[in-house]
Amino acid sequence: MAIAQCPSCNKPISSKHKTCPHCDFDVANMDEESLQREAVRKRVRKQQKIMNYSFLALILFLGGFLYMYWQQPVEGTWEMLATQCAIGVGLIWYLVNRVILVVLKKKK
């Protein structure tokens, strides 16, 4: 009995398993086409997850910017610090996610 990785969820499973106990992927009946399909499905899921993170980062950035614009917090207060942190973190998080998406698309 050897330990293998599930092609669907990448979790360790026994080589004697017919289906993955984690994601119920049929390991016994996999052929080359099903492995390719599963690889495409995994890549799309990862891209969607990164895209969701990108949207959250954009919301954080815009939320901080809009709060600073409408509320105009006084310089040196915790409100100003919080809005500047939200803008900075949101911008950096957004840019990192976009770079990751570009790398994933070029990897095809």
Protein backbone atom coordinates (compact mmCIF):
# COMPACT_ATOMS: atom_id res chain seq x y z
CA MET A 1 0.00 0.00 0.00
CA ALA A 2 1.49 3.30 -1.13
CA ILE A 3 0.38 6.82 -0.40
CA ALA A 4 -0.70 8.72 -3.51
CA GLN A 5 -2.25 12.11 -4.11
CA CYS A 6 -5.80 12.54 -5.28
CA PRO A 7 -5.81 14.25 -8.70
CA SER A 8 -8.84 16.30 -7.67
CA CYS A 9 -8.07 17.63 -4.18
CA ASN A 10 -4.32 16.81 -3.86
CA LYS A 11 -4.85 15.21 -0.45
CA PRO A 12 -2.97 12.00 0.40
CA ILE A 13 -4.90 8.78 -0.13
CA SER A 14 -4.06 5.10 -0.22
CA SER A 15 -3.25 3.67 -3.63
CA LYS A 16 -5.82 0.94 -2.95
CA HIS A 17 -8.75 3.36 -2.66
CA LYS A 18 -11.25 3.25 -5.50
CA THR A 19 -12.59 6.72 -4.67
CA CYS A 20 -11.05 9.59 -2.75
CA PRO A 21 -12.48 9.69 0.81
CA HIS A 22 -12.11 13.50 0.86
CA CYS A 23 -13.79 14.57 -2.40
CA ASP A 24 -15.34 11.32 -3.76
CA PHE A 25 -13.32 11.52 -7.01
CA ASP A 26 -13.36 8.17 -8.83
CA VAL A 27 -9.66 7.24 -8.79
CA ALA A 28 -10.14 3.73 -10.17
CA ASN A 29 -11.63 4.79 -13.51
CA MET A 30 -9.36 7.69 -14.42
CA ASP A 31 -7.98 7.90 -17.89
CA GLU A 32 -5.88 10.60 -19.55
CA GLU A 33 -8.93 12.63 -20.58
CA SER A 34 -10.42 12.68 -17.08
CA LEU A 35 -7.06 13.71 -15.62
CA GLN A 36 -6.86 16.62 -18.07
CA ARG A 37 -10.44 17.63 -17.32
CA GLU A 38 -9.73 17.56 -13.61
CA ALA A 39 -6.56 19.65 -14.07
CA VAL A 40 -8.55 22.27 -15.99
CA ARG A 41 -11.26 22.24 -13.33
CA LYS A 42 -8.67 22.75 -10.58
CA ARG A 43 -7.04 25.64 -12.44
CA VAL A 44 -10.40 27.35 -12.98
CA ARG A 45 -11.33 26.92 -9.32
CA LYS A 46 -8.01 28.44 -8.25
CA GLN A 47 -8.46 31.36 -10.66
CA GLN A 48 -11.97 31.98 -9.32
CA LYS A 49 -10.69 31.95 -5.75
CA ILE A 50 -7.96 34.46 -6.57
CA MET A 51 -10.51 36.61 -8.45
CA ASN A 52 -12.74 36.64 -5.35
CA TYR A 53 -9.77 37.74 -3.23
CA SER A 54 -9.09 40.43 -5.79
CA PHE A 55 -12.64 41.76 -5.45
CA LEU A 56 -12.36 41.78 -1.65
CA ALA A 57 -9.11 43.73 -1.89
CA LEU A 58 -10.72 46.22 -4.25
CA ILE A 59 -13.66 46.68 -1.85
CA LEU A 60 -11.22 47.27 1.03
CA PHE A 61 -9.28 49.83 -1.01
CA LEU A 62 -12.38 51.67 -2.22
CA GLY A 63 -13.99 51.54 1.23
CA GLY A 64 -10.98 53.22 2.81
CA PHE A 65 -10.75 55.79 0.03
CA LEU A 66 -14.47 56.63 0.14
CA TYR A 67 -14.47 56.88 3.93
CA MET A 68 -11.55 59.30 3.74
CA TYR A 69 -13.30 61.31 1.03
CA TRP A 70 -16.71 61.60 2.72
CA GLN A 71 -15.80 61.70 6.40
CA GLN A 72 -12.54 63.65 6.09
CA PRO A 73 -10.95 62.36 9.31
CA VAL A 74 -8.53 64.63 11.15
CA GLU A 75 -4.84 63.96 10.53
CA GLY A 76 -3.25 61.92 13.34
CA THR A 77 -6.45 60.24 14.59
CA TRP A 78 -7.10 56.52 14.58
CA GLU A 79 -9.72 57.04 11.85
CA MET A 80 -7.13 58.51 9.50
CA LEU A 81 -4.68 55.72 10.33
CA ALA A 82 -7.35 53.07 9.74
CA THR A 83 -8.36 54.53 6.37
CA GLN A 84 -4.75 54.82 5.24
CA CYS A 85 -4.10 51.22 6.30
CA ALA A 86 -7.22 50.04 4.47
CA ILE A 87 -6.15 51.86 1.32
CA GLY A 88 -2.57 50.54 1.51
CA VAL A 89 -3.47 46.95 2.34
CA GLY A 90 -6.26 46.87 -0.23
CA LEU A 91 -4.03 48.24 -2.98
CA ILE A 92 -1.14 45.85 -2.28
CA TRP A 93 -3.47 42.85 -1.89
CA TYR A 94 -5.21 43.73 -5.17
CA LEU A 95 -1.95 44.09 -7.08
CA VAL A 96 -0.56 40.80 -5.72
CA ASN A 97 -3.76 38.98 -6.70
CA ARG A 98 -3.68 40.42 -10.21
CA VAL A 99 -0.05 39.31 -10.65
CA ILE A 100 -0.98 35.81 -9.46
CA LEU A 101 -3.84 35.70 -11.97
CA VAL A 102 -1.53 36.72 -14.82
CA VAL A 103 0.95 34.02 -13.83
CA LEU A 104 -1.82 31.40 -13.65
CA LYS A 105 -3.11 32.35 -17.10
CA LYS A 106 0.37 32.16 -18.62
CA LYS A 107 0.94 28.73 -17.05
CA LYS A 108 -1.66 27.00 -19.24
